[in-house]
Amino acid sequence: QIVLQIVSQDSLNASKDLQKEFATIEKKKEELADYLCEDQKKMSLEDVFSTMKTFRQVFLKALQ
């Protein structure tokens, strides 16, 4: 039973840490949306990563 309590507490702590990370990511996404003059509500993380990927590809092509 003690092992179960430890596992449960570890799971709870991991969940709280994950929630903090998601909150941080969401805040950064909103800051990026503001910087890019995009609507925070409409800009998804997929949009952010897609934009970053496209920028990287174009940048690397320009370097060549």
N, C-alpha and C. Protein backbone atom coordinates (compact mmCIF):
# COMPACT_ATOMS: atom_id res chain seq x y z
N GLN A 1 0.82 -1.19 0.00
CA GLN A 1 0.00 0.00 0.00
C GLN A 1 0.87 1.25 0.00
N ILE A 2 2.00 1.21 0.67
CA ILE A 2 2.91 2.35 0.69
C ILE A 2 3.44 2.62 -0.72
N VAL A 3 3.75 1.55 -1.43
CA VAL A 3 4.25 1.71 -2.80
C VAL A 3 3.19 2.38 -3.67
N LEU A 4 1.95 1.99 -3.51
CA LEU A 4 0.84 2.59 -4.26
C LEU A 4 0.72 4.08 -3.95
N GLN A 5 0.87 4.45 -2.69
CA GLN A 5 0.81 5.85 -2.30
C GLN A 5 1.95 6.65 -2.94
N ILE A 6 3.13 6.07 -2.96
CA ILE A 6 4.30 6.73 -3.55
C ILE A 6 4.08 6.92 -5.05
N VAL A 7 3.61 5.87 -5.71
CA VAL A 7 3.34 5.95 -7.15
C VAL A 7 2.26 6.99 -7.43
N SER A 8 1.22 7.00 -6.62
CA SER A 8 0.15 7.97 -6.80
C SER A 8 0.66 9.40 -6.61
N GLN A 9 1.48 9.61 -5.60
CA GLN A 9 2.03 10.95 -5.36
C GLN A 9 2.95 11.36 -6.50
N ASP A 10 3.77 10.43 -6.99
CA ASP A 10 4.65 10.73 -8.12
C ASP A 10 3.84 11.08 -9.36
N SER A 11 2.76 10.35 -9.58
CA SER A 11 1.89 10.63 -10.73
C SER A 11 1.25 12.00 -10.60
N LEU A 12 0.82 12.33 -9.42
CA LEU A 12 0.21 13.64 -9.17
C LEU A 12 1.23 14.76 -9.39
N ASN A 13 2.43 14.57 -8.90
CA ASN A 13 3.49 15.56 -9.10
C ASN A 13 3.83 15.72 -10.58
N ALA A 14 3.90 14.61 -11.30
CA ALA A 14 4.20 14.65 -12.73
C ALA A 14 3.09 15.38 -13.48
N SER A 15 1.86 15.13 -13.08
CA SER A 15 0.71 15.80 -13.70
C SER A 15 0.77 17.31 -13.48
N LYS A 16 1.10 17.72 -12.27
CA LYS A 16 1.22 19.15 -11.96
C LYS A 16 2.35 19.78 -12.77
N ASP A 17 3.48 19.08 -12.87
CA ASP A 17 4.61 19.58 -13.65
C ASP A 17 4.22 19.73 -15.13
N LEU A 18 3.48 18.76 -15.63
CA LEU A 18 3.04 18.79 -17.02
C LEU A 18 2.08 19.96 -17.26
N GLN A 19 1.19 20.19 -16.33
CA GLN A 19 0.27 21.33 -16.44
C GLN A 19 1.03 22.64 -16.48
N LYS A 20 2.08 22.75 -15.67
CA LYS A 20 2.91 23.97 -15.67
C LYS A 20 3.60 24.15 -17.02
N GLU A 21 4.10 23.05 -17.57
CA GLU A 21 4.77 23.12 -18.88
C GLU A 21 3.79 23.55 -19.97
N PHE A 22 2.59 22.97 -19.94
CA PHE A 22 1.58 23.36 -20.93
C PHE A 22 1.20 24.83 -20.79
N ALA A 23 1.11 25.32 -19.57
CA ALA A 23 0.80 26.73 -19.34
C ALA A 23 1.92 27.62 -19.89
N THR A 24 3.16 27.21 -19.70
CA THR A 24 4.30 27.95 -20.22
C THR A 24 4.28 27.97 -21.75
N ILE A 25 4.00 26.82 -22.34
CA ILE A 25 3.93 26.72 -23.80
C ILE A 25 2.81 27.60 -24.33
N GLU A 26 1.67 27.57 -23.68
CA GLU A 26 0.53 28.39 -24.11
C GLU A 26 0.88 29.88 -24.03
N LYS A 27 1.56 30.29 -22.98
CA LYS A 27 1.95 31.69 -22.83
C LYS A 27 2.92 32.10 -23.94
N LYS A 28 3.88 31.24 -24.24
CA LYS A 28 4.84 31.53 -25.31
C LYS A 28 4.13 31.59 -26.66
N LYS A 29 3.16 30.71 -26.86
CA LYS A 29 2.40 30.71 -28.11
C LYS A 29 1.64 32.04 -28.27
N GLU A 30 1.05 32.52 -27.18
CA GLU A 30 0.33 33.79 -27.22
C GLU A 30 1.29 34.95 -27.50
N GLU A 31 2.46 34.91 -26.90
CA GLU A 31 3.46 35.96 -27.15
C GLU A 31 3.89 35.94 -28.62
N LEU A 32 4.08 34.76 -29.17
CA LEU A 32 4.46 34.63 -30.57
C LEU A 32 3.34 35.12 -31.48
N ALA A 33 2.11 34.79 -31.14
CA ALA A 33 0.97 35.25 -31.93
C ALA A 33 0.92 36.77 -31.94
N ASP A 34 1.15 37.38 -30.79
CA ASP A 34 1.18 38.85 -30.71
C ASP A 34 2.31 39.40 -31.58
N TYR A 35 3.46 38.79 -31.48
CA TYR A 35 4.62 39.25 -32.25
C TYR A 35 4.36 39.16 -33.75
N LEU A 36 3.68 38.09 -34.17
CA LEU A 36 3.39 37.88 -35.59
C LEU A 36 2.09 38.54 -36.03
N CYS A 37 1.46 39.27 -35.10
CA CYS A 37 0.18 39.94 -35.38
C CYS A 37 -0.89 38.94 -35.81
N GLU A 38 -0.91 37.80 -35.14
CA GLU A 38 -1.90 36.76 -35.40
C GLU A 38 -2.91 36.75 -34.27
N ASP A 39 -4.09 36.21 -34.55
CA ASP A 39 -5.13 36.07 -33.53
C ASP A 39 -4.74 34.92 -32.59
N GLN A 40 -4.59 35.23 -31.31
CA GLN A 40 -4.18 34.22 -30.33
C GLN A 40 -5.16 33.05 -30.28
N LYS A 41 -6.43 33.33 -30.45
CA LYS A 41 -7.45 32.28 -30.33
C LYS A 41 -7.43 31.32 -31.52
N LYS A 42 -7.00 31.82 -32.68
CA LYS A 42 -7.03 31.00 -33.90
C LYS A 42 -5.71 30.29 -34.17
N MET A 43 -4.64 30.79 -33.58
CA MET A 43 -3.32 30.23 -33.85
C MET A 43 -3.08 29.00 -32.97
N SER A 44 -2.93 27.85 -33.61
CA SER A 44 -2.70 26.61 -32.88
C SER A 44 -1.21 26.30 -32.81
N LEU A 45 -0.86 25.36 -31.96
CA LEU A 45 0.54 24.95 -31.88
C LEU A 45 1.00 24.34 -33.20
N GLU A 46 0.08 23.66 -33.89
CA GLU A 46 0.43 23.10 -35.20
C GLU A 46 0.81 24.22 -36.16
N ASP A 47 0.06 25.34 -36.10
CA ASP A 47 0.38 26.49 -36.94
C ASP A 47 1.77 27.02 -36.61
N VAL A 48 2.06 27.13 -35.33
CA VAL A 48 3.36 27.65 -34.89
C VAL A 48 4.49 26.77 -35.41
N PHE A 49 4.37 25.46 -35.21
CA PHE A 49 5.43 24.56 -35.64
C PHE A 49 5.55 24.50 -37.15
N SER A 50 4.43 24.58 -37.84
CA SER A 50 4.46 24.59 -39.30
C SER A 50 5.16 25.85 -39.81
N THR A 51 4.84 26.99 -39.21
CA THR A 51 5.48 28.25 -39.60
C THR A 51 6.98 28.19 -39.34
N MET A 52 7.36 27.66 -38.18
CA MET A 52 8.79 27.55 -37.85
C MET A 52 9.51 26.62 -38.82
N LYS A 53 8.86 25.52 -39.18
CA LYS A 53 9.46 24.56 -40.11
C LYS A 53 9.65 25.20 -41.49
N THR A 54 8.62 25.90 -41.95
CA THR A 54 8.71 26.56 -43.25
C THR A 54 9.80 27.62 -43.24
N PHE A 55 9.84 28.43 -42.18
CA PHE A 55 10.88 29.45 -42.07
C PHE A 55 12.27 28.82 -42.12
N ARG A 56 12.44 27.74 -41.38
CA ARG A 56 13.75 27.07 -41.34
C ARG A 56 14.14 26.56 -42.73
N GLN A 57 13.18 25.96 -43.44
CA GLN A 57 13.47 25.45 -44.77
C GLN A 57 13.87 26.57 -45.73
N VAL A 58 13.13 27.67 -45.71
CA VAL A 58 13.42 28.80 -46.58
C VAL A 58 14.75 29.43 -46.19
N PHE A 59 15.02 29.55 -44.91
CA PHE A 59 16.27 30.13 -44.44
C PHE A 59 17.46 29.28 -44.88
N LEU A 60 17.36 27.97 -44.69
CA LEU A 60 18.47 27.10 -45.10
C LEU A 60 18.67 27.14 -46.61
N LYS A 61 17.58 27.23 -47.36
CA LYS A 61 17.69 27.32 -48.82
C LYS A 61 18.38 28.64 -49.21
N ALA A 62 18.05 29.72 -48.50
CA ALA A 62 18.68 31.01 -48.78
C ALA A 62 20.17 30.99 -48.48
N LEU A 63 20.56 30.24 -47.45
CA LEU A 63 21.98 30.14 -47.12
C LEU A 63 22.77 29.42 -48.20
N GLN A 64 22.12 28.49 -48.87
CA GLN A 64 22.81 27.74 -49.93
C GLN A 64 22.99 28.63 -51.12
